N, C-alpha and C. Protein backbone atom coordinates (compact mmCIF):
# COMPACT_ATOMS: atom_id res chain seq x y z
N UNK A 1 36.19 -34.35 -6.86
CA UNK A 1 35.39 -33.20 -6.49
C UNK A 1 36.09 -31.91 -6.93
N UNK A 2 37.41 -31.90 -6.84
CA UNK A 2 38.16 -30.72 -7.26
C UNK A 2 38.01 -30.49 -8.75
N UNK A 3 37.90 -31.60 -9.52
CA UNK A 3 37.71 -31.46 -10.96
C UNK A 3 36.37 -30.82 -11.27
N UNK A 4 35.32 -31.22 -10.52
CA UNK A 4 34.00 -30.65 -10.74
C UNK A 4 33.97 -29.17 -10.42
N UNK A 5 34.58 -28.76 -9.33
CA UNK A 5 34.57 -27.34 -8.97
C UNK A 5 35.41 -26.52 -9.95
N UNK A 6 36.51 -27.10 -10.44
CA UNK A 6 37.32 -26.40 -11.43
C UNK A 6 36.56 -26.25 -12.73
N UNK A 7 35.84 -27.32 -13.12
CA UNK A 7 35.03 -27.27 -14.35
C UNK A 7 33.89 -26.27 -14.19
N UNK A 8 33.26 -26.25 -13.02
CA UNK A 8 32.16 -25.31 -12.78
C UNK A 8 32.67 -23.87 -12.79
N UNK A 9 33.86 -23.65 -12.20
CA UNK A 9 34.45 -22.31 -12.20
C UNK A 9 34.79 -21.88 -13.62
N UNK A 10 35.35 -22.78 -14.41
CA UNK A 10 35.68 -22.46 -15.80
C UNK A 10 34.42 -22.18 -16.60
N UNK A 11 33.36 -22.96 -16.35
CA UNK A 11 32.09 -22.75 -17.06
C UNK A 11 31.50 -21.40 -16.70
N UNK A 12 31.54 -21.04 -15.40
CA UNK A 12 31.03 -19.73 -14.97
C UNK A 12 31.85 -18.61 -15.59
N UNK A 13 33.18 -18.79 -15.64
CA UNK A 13 34.05 -17.77 -16.22
C UNK A 13 33.73 -17.57 -17.70
N UNK A 14 33.49 -18.66 -18.43
CA UNK A 14 33.13 -18.54 -19.84
C UNK A 14 31.80 -17.82 -20.00
N UNK A 15 30.83 -18.13 -19.12
CA UNK A 15 29.53 -17.48 -19.19
C UNK A 15 29.65 -16.00 -18.87
N UNK A 16 30.52 -15.66 -17.89
CA UNK A 16 30.72 -14.25 -17.55
C UNK A 16 31.42 -13.49 -18.66
N UNK A 17 32.35 -14.16 -19.35
CA UNK A 17 33.12 -13.51 -20.41
C UNK A 17 32.34 -13.40 -21.72
N UNK A 18 31.30 -14.21 -21.91
CA UNK A 18 30.57 -14.21 -23.18
C UNK A 18 29.97 -12.85 -23.51
N UNK A 19 29.24 -12.17 -22.57
CA UNK A 19 28.72 -10.85 -22.92
C UNK A 19 29.82 -9.84 -23.20
N UNK A 20 30.93 -9.94 -22.48
CA UNK A 20 32.05 -9.02 -22.70
C UNK A 20 32.61 -9.23 -24.10
N UNK A 21 32.80 -10.49 -24.49
CA UNK A 21 33.32 -10.79 -25.82
C UNK A 21 32.34 -10.32 -26.90
N UNK A 22 31.03 -10.51 -26.66
CA UNK A 22 30.04 -10.05 -27.63
C UNK A 22 30.10 -8.54 -27.76
N UNK A 23 30.19 -7.84 -26.65
CA UNK A 23 30.25 -6.38 -26.70
C UNK A 23 31.54 -5.91 -27.36
N UNK A 24 32.64 -6.61 -27.09
CA UNK A 24 33.90 -6.22 -27.73
C UNK A 24 33.80 -6.34 -29.25
N UNK A 25 33.19 -7.41 -29.73
CA UNK A 25 33.02 -7.61 -31.17
C UNK A 25 32.09 -6.54 -31.74
N UNK A 26 31.02 -6.23 -31.03
CA UNK A 26 30.07 -5.21 -31.46
C UNK A 26 30.75 -3.83 -31.50
N UNK A 27 31.53 -3.53 -30.50
CA UNK A 27 32.26 -2.26 -30.44
C UNK A 27 33.22 -2.17 -31.62
N UNK A 28 33.99 -3.22 -31.85
CA UNK A 28 34.94 -3.23 -32.95
C UNK A 28 34.23 -3.06 -34.29
N UNK A 29 33.13 -3.80 -34.47
CA UNK A 29 32.38 -3.74 -35.73
C UNK A 29 31.85 -2.32 -35.99
N UNK A 30 31.29 -1.69 -34.97
CA UNK A 30 30.71 -0.36 -35.17
C UNK A 30 31.77 0.73 -35.27
N UNK A 31 32.88 0.57 -34.58
CA UNK A 31 33.95 1.54 -34.76
C UNK A 31 34.47 1.48 -36.20
N UNK A 32 34.71 0.27 -36.69
CA UNK A 32 35.19 0.13 -38.07
C UNK A 32 34.14 0.64 -39.06
N UNK A 33 32.89 0.23 -38.88
CA UNK A 33 31.82 0.64 -39.80
C UNK A 33 31.63 2.16 -39.77
N UNK A 34 31.66 2.72 -38.57
CA UNK A 34 31.50 4.16 -38.43
C UNK A 34 32.61 4.94 -39.08
N UNK A 35 33.86 4.53 -38.83
CA UNK A 35 34.99 5.25 -39.42
C UNK A 35 35.05 5.08 -40.92
N UNK A 36 34.70 3.89 -41.44
CA UNK A 36 34.65 3.72 -42.90
C UNK A 36 33.53 4.55 -43.50
N UNK A 37 32.41 4.63 -42.81
CA UNK A 37 31.31 5.48 -43.29
C UNK A 37 31.76 6.94 -43.34
N UNK A 38 32.43 7.38 -42.29
CA UNK A 38 32.93 8.76 -42.28
C UNK A 38 33.92 9.00 -43.42
N UNK A 39 34.81 8.05 -43.65
CA UNK A 39 35.77 8.20 -44.74
C UNK A 39 35.07 8.26 -46.09
N UNK A 40 34.10 7.39 -46.31
CA UNK A 40 33.39 7.33 -47.58
C UNK A 40 32.57 8.60 -47.83
N UNK A 41 31.75 8.97 -46.85
CA UNK A 41 30.84 10.09 -47.07
C UNK A 41 31.54 11.45 -46.99
N UNK A 42 32.65 11.52 -46.27
CA UNK A 42 33.44 12.74 -46.30
C UNK A 42 34.11 12.90 -47.66
N UNK A 43 34.61 11.80 -48.19
CA UNK A 43 35.18 11.84 -49.54
C UNK A 43 34.12 12.24 -50.56
N UNK A 44 32.93 11.70 -50.43
CA UNK A 44 31.84 12.08 -51.33
C UNK A 44 31.55 13.58 -51.20
N UNK A 45 31.57 14.10 -50.00
CA UNK A 45 31.37 15.54 -49.79
C UNK A 45 32.47 16.37 -50.44
N UNK A 46 33.70 15.88 -50.38
CA UNK A 46 34.80 16.58 -51.04
C UNK A 46 34.62 16.57 -52.56
N UNK A 47 34.10 15.48 -53.09
CA UNK A 47 33.80 15.42 -54.53
C UNK A 47 32.70 16.42 -54.89
N UNK A 48 31.73 16.56 -54.02
CA UNK A 48 30.67 17.56 -54.25
C UNK A 48 31.26 18.97 -54.26
N UNK A 49 32.17 19.22 -53.33
CA UNK A 49 32.84 20.53 -53.31
C UNK A 49 33.66 20.75 -54.57
N UNK A 50 34.29 19.69 -55.06
CA UNK A 50 35.04 19.79 -56.31
C UNK A 50 34.11 20.11 -57.47
N UNK A 51 32.91 19.54 -57.44
CA UNK A 51 31.91 19.85 -58.47
C UNK A 51 31.54 21.32 -58.46
N UNK A 52 31.46 21.89 -57.28
CA UNK A 52 31.22 23.34 -57.17
C UNK A 52 32.40 24.11 -57.72
N UNK A 53 33.58 23.72 -57.29
CA UNK A 53 34.79 24.44 -57.68
C UNK A 53 35.05 24.39 -59.18
N UNK A 54 34.74 23.25 -59.78
CA UNK A 54 34.95 23.09 -61.22
C UNK A 54 33.76 23.57 -62.05
N UNK A 55 32.73 24.05 -61.37
CA UNK A 55 31.53 24.58 -62.04
C UNK A 55 30.93 23.55 -63.01
N UNK A 56 30.79 22.32 -62.52
CA UNK A 56 30.23 21.26 -63.36
C UNK A 56 28.73 21.49 -63.58
N UNK A 57 28.35 21.66 -64.81
CA UNK A 57 26.94 21.88 -65.14
C UNK A 57 26.06 20.71 -64.76
N UNK A 58 26.63 19.50 -64.88
CA UNK A 58 25.90 18.29 -64.52
C UNK A 58 25.44 18.34 -63.06
N UNK A 59 26.15 19.12 -62.27
CA UNK A 59 25.86 19.23 -60.84
C UNK A 59 25.25 20.59 -60.48
N UNK A 60 25.70 21.67 -61.11
CA UNK A 60 25.31 23.01 -60.68
C UNK A 60 24.19 23.66 -61.48
N UNK A 61 23.91 23.21 -62.69
CA UNK A 61 22.87 23.86 -63.48
C UNK A 61 21.55 23.91 -62.71
N UNK A 62 20.77 24.97 -62.97
CA UNK A 62 19.50 25.18 -62.27
C UNK A 62 18.59 23.96 -62.40
N UNK A 63 18.60 23.33 -63.55
CA UNK A 63 17.76 22.15 -63.77
C UNK A 63 18.19 20.94 -62.97
N UNK A 64 19.35 21.02 -62.35
CA UNK A 64 19.88 19.90 -61.57
C UNK A 64 19.82 20.15 -60.07
N UNK A 65 18.95 21.04 -59.65
CA UNK A 65 18.83 21.35 -58.22
C UNK A 65 18.43 20.13 -57.41
N UNK A 66 17.60 19.26 -57.99
CA UNK A 66 17.18 18.04 -57.28
C UNK A 66 18.39 17.13 -57.06
N UNK A 67 19.22 17.02 -58.07
CA UNK A 67 20.44 16.20 -57.94
C UNK A 67 21.32 16.77 -56.83
N UNK A 68 21.54 18.06 -56.86
CA UNK A 68 22.41 18.72 -55.88
C UNK A 68 21.87 18.51 -54.46
N UNK A 69 20.56 18.69 -54.29
CA UNK A 69 19.96 18.50 -52.96
C UNK A 69 20.06 17.04 -52.52
N UNK A 70 19.75 16.13 -53.42
CA UNK A 70 19.81 14.70 -53.07
C UNK A 70 21.22 14.28 -52.68
N UNK A 71 22.20 14.72 -53.45
CA UNK A 71 23.59 14.37 -53.14
C UNK A 71 24.01 14.97 -51.80
N UNK A 72 23.61 16.22 -51.56
CA UNK A 72 23.96 16.87 -50.29
C UNK A 72 23.32 16.14 -49.11
N UNK A 73 22.05 15.74 -49.27
CA UNK A 73 21.38 15.00 -48.21
C UNK A 73 22.03 13.64 -47.98
N UNK A 74 22.43 12.97 -49.06
CA UNK A 74 23.11 11.68 -48.91
C UNK A 74 24.43 11.83 -48.17
N UNK A 75 25.19 12.85 -48.54
CA UNK A 75 26.47 13.11 -47.87
C UNK A 75 26.25 13.42 -46.38
N UNK A 76 25.31 14.31 -46.10
CA UNK A 76 25.08 14.72 -44.71
C UNK A 76 24.57 13.55 -43.85
N UNK A 77 23.59 12.81 -44.37
CA UNK A 77 23.06 11.68 -43.59
C UNK A 77 24.12 10.60 -43.40
N UNK A 78 24.88 10.31 -44.43
CA UNK A 78 25.92 9.29 -44.30
C UNK A 78 26.98 9.67 -43.27
N UNK A 79 27.38 10.93 -43.30
CA UNK A 79 28.39 11.39 -42.34
C UNK A 79 27.85 11.35 -40.92
N UNK A 80 26.65 11.85 -40.72
CA UNK A 80 26.07 11.85 -39.37
C UNK A 80 25.82 10.43 -38.86
N UNK A 81 25.40 9.54 -39.75
CA UNK A 81 25.18 8.16 -39.32
C UNK A 81 26.50 7.45 -39.04
N UNK A 82 27.57 7.87 -39.71
CA UNK A 82 28.89 7.35 -39.35
C UNK A 82 29.24 7.71 -37.92
N UNK A 83 28.97 8.96 -37.56
CA UNK A 83 29.19 9.38 -36.16
C UNK A 83 28.27 8.63 -35.20
N UNK A 84 27.04 8.34 -35.63
CA UNK A 84 26.12 7.59 -34.78
C UNK A 84 26.65 6.18 -34.51
N UNK A 85 27.28 5.57 -35.49
CA UNK A 85 27.88 4.25 -35.29
C UNK A 85 29.03 4.31 -34.30
N UNK A 86 29.86 5.33 -34.40
CA UNK A 86 30.96 5.49 -33.45
C UNK A 86 30.39 5.74 -32.04
N UNK A 87 29.36 6.57 -31.94
CA UNK A 87 28.74 6.84 -30.63
C UNK A 87 28.15 5.57 -30.03
N UNK A 88 27.50 4.77 -30.87
CA UNK A 88 26.95 3.49 -30.39
C UNK A 88 28.08 2.60 -29.88
N UNK A 89 29.16 2.52 -30.61
CA UNK A 89 30.28 1.68 -30.19
C UNK A 89 30.84 2.13 -28.85
N UNK A 90 30.91 3.43 -28.65
CA UNK A 90 31.49 3.96 -27.42
C UNK A 90 30.53 3.90 -26.23
N UNK A 91 29.25 3.72 -26.50
CA UNK A 91 28.28 3.73 -25.40
C UNK A 91 27.59 2.39 -25.15
N UNK A 92 27.78 1.41 -26.02
CA UNK A 92 27.04 0.16 -25.89
C UNK A 92 27.36 -0.58 -24.58
N UNK A 93 28.57 -0.45 -24.09
CA UNK A 93 28.92 -1.15 -22.85
C UNK A 93 28.23 -0.53 -21.64
N UNK A 94 27.86 0.73 -21.71
CA UNK A 94 27.17 1.39 -20.59
C UNK A 94 25.66 1.18 -20.65
N UNK A 95 25.15 0.91 -21.84
CA UNK A 95 23.72 0.64 -21.97
C UNK A 95 23.44 -0.75 -21.42
N UNK A 96 22.36 -0.88 -20.76
CA UNK A 96 22.02 -2.19 -20.19
C UNK A 96 21.15 -2.94 -21.20
N UNK A 97 21.80 -3.38 -22.26
CA UNK A 97 21.11 -4.10 -23.32
C UNK A 97 21.41 -5.58 -23.21
N UNK A 98 20.41 -6.41 -23.46
CA UNK A 98 20.67 -7.83 -23.57
C UNK A 98 21.43 -8.06 -24.87
N UNK A 99 21.97 -9.24 -25.03
CA UNK A 99 22.70 -9.55 -26.27
C UNK A 99 21.78 -9.43 -27.48
N UNK A 100 20.53 -9.85 -27.32
CA UNK A 100 19.56 -9.76 -28.42
C UNK A 100 19.24 -8.31 -28.75
N UNK A 101 19.03 -7.49 -27.74
CA UNK A 101 18.73 -6.08 -27.98
C UNK A 101 19.92 -5.37 -28.63
N UNK A 102 21.12 -5.66 -28.17
CA UNK A 102 22.31 -5.05 -28.76
C UNK A 102 22.46 -5.46 -30.22
N UNK A 103 22.21 -6.74 -30.51
CA UNK A 103 22.32 -7.22 -31.89
C UNK A 103 21.26 -6.57 -32.78
N UNK A 104 20.05 -6.41 -32.27
CA UNK A 104 18.99 -5.77 -33.06
C UNK A 104 19.30 -4.29 -33.31
N UNK A 105 19.74 -3.61 -32.28
CA UNK A 105 20.10 -2.19 -32.44
C UNK A 105 21.24 -2.05 -33.43
N UNK A 106 22.22 -2.93 -33.34
CA UNK A 106 23.36 -2.91 -34.24
C UNK A 106 22.92 -3.10 -35.69
N UNK A 107 22.11 -4.10 -35.93
CA UNK A 107 21.64 -4.38 -37.29
C UNK A 107 20.83 -3.22 -37.84
N UNK A 108 19.91 -2.69 -37.03
CA UNK A 108 19.08 -1.56 -37.48
C UNK A 108 19.93 -0.33 -37.79
N UNK A 109 20.90 -0.04 -36.95
CA UNK A 109 21.74 1.14 -37.15
C UNK A 109 22.61 0.99 -38.40
N UNK A 110 23.20 -0.18 -38.59
CA UNK A 110 24.02 -0.39 -39.78
C UNK A 110 23.17 -0.36 -41.06
N UNK A 111 21.99 -0.95 -41.01
CA UNK A 111 21.10 -0.92 -42.19
C UNK A 111 20.68 0.51 -42.51
N UNK A 112 20.36 1.28 -41.49
CA UNK A 112 19.97 2.68 -41.70
C UNK A 112 21.13 3.47 -42.29
N UNK A 113 22.34 3.17 -41.86
CA UNK A 113 23.52 3.87 -42.36
C UNK A 113 23.75 3.58 -43.84
N UNK A 114 23.29 2.46 -44.30
CA UNK A 114 23.41 2.13 -45.72
C UNK A 114 22.21 2.66 -46.51
N UNK A 115 21.00 2.39 -46.02
CA UNK A 115 19.79 2.69 -46.80
C UNK A 115 19.54 4.18 -46.99
N UNK A 116 19.66 4.96 -45.93
CA UNK A 116 19.30 6.38 -46.04
C UNK A 116 20.21 7.14 -47.02
N UNK A 117 21.53 7.12 -46.83
CA UNK A 117 22.37 7.86 -47.78
C UNK A 117 22.28 7.30 -49.20
N UNK A 118 22.21 5.97 -49.30
CA UNK A 118 22.13 5.35 -50.62
C UNK A 118 20.85 5.78 -51.35
N UNK A 119 19.75 5.85 -50.63
CA UNK A 119 18.50 6.30 -51.23
C UNK A 119 18.59 7.71 -51.76
N UNK A 120 19.19 8.61 -50.98
CA UNK A 120 19.35 9.99 -51.43
C UNK A 120 20.29 10.08 -52.64
N UNK A 121 21.43 9.41 -52.54
CA UNK A 121 22.44 9.52 -53.60
C UNK A 121 21.93 8.90 -54.90
N UNK A 122 21.40 7.69 -54.83
CA UNK A 122 20.89 7.07 -56.05
C UNK A 122 19.67 7.82 -56.60
N UNK A 123 18.86 8.37 -55.69
CA UNK A 123 17.72 9.18 -56.13
C UNK A 123 18.14 10.42 -56.89
N UNK A 124 19.36 10.90 -56.64
CA UNK A 124 19.86 12.07 -57.33
C UNK A 124 20.42 11.77 -58.71
N UNK A 125 20.72 10.53 -58.98
CA UNK A 125 21.26 10.19 -60.30
C UNK A 125 20.18 10.21 -61.37
N UNK A 126 19.02 9.70 -61.05
CA UNK A 126 17.95 9.71 -62.04
C UNK A 126 16.75 10.41 -61.45
N UNK A 127 16.50 11.64 -61.82
CA UNK A 127 15.35 12.37 -61.28
C UNK A 127 14.47 12.83 -62.43
N UNK A 128 13.20 13.04 -62.11
CA UNK A 128 12.20 13.33 -63.13
C UNK A 128 11.35 14.51 -62.70
N UNK A 129 11.36 15.55 -63.50
CA UNK A 129 10.52 16.74 -63.27
C UNK A 129 10.68 17.27 -61.85
N UNK A 130 11.89 17.31 -61.36
CA UNK A 130 12.15 17.86 -60.03
C UNK A 130 11.99 16.89 -58.89
N UNK A 131 11.57 15.66 -59.17
CA UNK A 131 11.43 14.64 -58.13
C UNK A 131 12.60 13.67 -58.21
N UNK A 132 13.11 13.23 -57.07
CA UNK A 132 14.22 12.27 -57.10
C UNK A 132 13.76 10.95 -57.70
N UNK A 133 14.73 10.14 -58.13
CA UNK A 133 14.44 8.84 -58.72
C UNK A 133 13.84 7.87 -57.71
N UNK A 134 13.43 6.72 -58.23
CA UNK A 134 12.73 5.73 -57.41
C UNK A 134 13.56 5.22 -56.24
N UNK A 135 14.88 5.35 -56.30
CA UNK A 135 15.73 4.87 -55.20
C UNK A 135 15.49 5.64 -53.90
N UNK A 136 14.83 6.79 -54.00
CA UNK A 136 14.50 7.56 -52.78
C UNK A 136 13.61 6.73 -51.86
N UNK A 137 12.99 5.69 -52.41
CA UNK A 137 12.13 4.80 -51.61
C UNK A 137 12.93 4.05 -50.53
N UNK A 138 14.25 4.06 -50.62
CA UNK A 138 15.09 3.43 -49.59
C UNK A 138 15.16 4.26 -48.32
N UNK A 139 14.86 5.55 -48.43
CA UNK A 139 15.03 6.45 -47.28
C UNK A 139 14.03 6.17 -46.16
N UNK A 140 12.71 6.07 -46.41
CA UNK A 140 11.79 5.82 -45.28
C UNK A 140 12.07 4.54 -44.50
N UNK A 141 12.35 3.39 -45.15
CA UNK A 141 12.69 2.22 -44.33
C UNK A 141 13.97 2.43 -43.52
N UNK A 142 14.94 3.13 -44.12
CA UNK A 142 16.17 3.43 -43.38
C UNK A 142 15.89 4.31 -42.18
N UNK A 143 15.01 5.30 -42.36
CA UNK A 143 14.66 6.19 -41.25
C UNK A 143 13.94 5.41 -40.14
N UNK A 144 13.06 4.51 -40.54
CA UNK A 144 12.34 3.69 -39.56
C UNK A 144 13.33 2.81 -38.78
N UNK A 145 14.27 2.20 -39.47
CA UNK A 145 15.27 1.38 -38.79
C UNK A 145 16.13 2.21 -37.84
N UNK A 146 16.41 3.44 -38.23
CA UNK A 146 17.18 4.33 -37.36
C UNK A 146 16.41 4.63 -36.08
N UNK A 147 15.12 4.91 -36.21
CA UNK A 147 14.29 5.19 -35.03
C UNK A 147 14.22 3.95 -34.14
N UNK A 148 14.05 2.77 -34.73
CA UNK A 148 14.01 1.54 -33.94
C UNK A 148 15.31 1.37 -33.16
N UNK A 149 16.45 1.57 -33.83
CA UNK A 149 17.75 1.45 -33.15
C UNK A 149 17.85 2.43 -32.00
N UNK A 150 17.45 3.68 -32.25
CA UNK A 150 17.57 4.70 -31.19
C UNK A 150 16.68 4.37 -30.00
N UNK A 151 15.47 3.86 -30.25
CA UNK A 151 14.57 3.51 -29.15
C UNK A 151 15.14 2.35 -28.34
N UNK A 152 15.67 1.33 -29.02
CA UNK A 152 16.28 0.20 -28.30
C UNK A 152 17.43 0.69 -27.42
N UNK A 153 18.27 1.52 -27.98
CA UNK A 153 19.44 2.01 -27.23
C UNK A 153 19.00 2.89 -26.07
N UNK A 154 18.07 3.80 -26.33
CA UNK A 154 17.60 4.70 -25.27
C UNK A 154 16.95 3.92 -24.13
N UNK A 155 16.18 2.89 -24.47
CA UNK A 155 15.56 2.06 -23.43
C UNK A 155 16.61 1.34 -22.60
N UNK A 156 17.73 0.98 -23.22
CA UNK A 156 18.82 0.34 -22.47
C UNK A 156 19.40 1.27 -21.41
N UNK A 157 19.42 2.55 -21.71
CA UNK A 157 19.94 3.51 -20.72
C UNK A 157 18.92 3.84 -19.66
N UNK A 158 17.65 3.56 -19.90
CA UNK A 158 16.60 3.82 -18.91
C UNK A 158 16.53 2.69 -17.88
N UNK A 159 17.03 1.52 -18.23
CA UNK A 159 16.98 0.35 -17.36
C UNK A 159 17.85 0.60 -16.14
N UNK A 160 17.37 0.25 -14.97
CA UNK A 160 18.09 0.55 -13.73
C UNK A 160 19.14 -0.49 -13.37
N UNK A 161 18.85 -1.77 -13.54
CA UNK A 161 19.89 -2.76 -13.23
C UNK A 161 19.62 -4.09 -13.83
């Protein structure tokens, strides 16, 4: 009988620790992803500043205003979404999300962090008559995924217990 109660206690302990372990992995993943995003997009922003400083025509000429705007938007969105990943990591344990909801929010947020800046940046490489290139089509799905992630997270904070 003592073996059964010890096994039941161990089983309960594993079940209790499972959400904690899942959240720890999610926190670690988003902290790493967020900080790498910040490093990448901040570096990209510094390269843009260098383009200004070096007066690169490829970047600064009047005919390249679309490129300049697209690159600036990619840098800004990437940096802000890096901070959003760090904020998610720091707040996910306080949100009352199920494991499935946390996983969905995580996937949507990470996908948005990739799609939105990438769409702007790639759209700036090939533009036509003042319009960004076809890669700009990545931005709306990324924006939709971002909204889905934010709604899932916000609903987790609205839950009472």
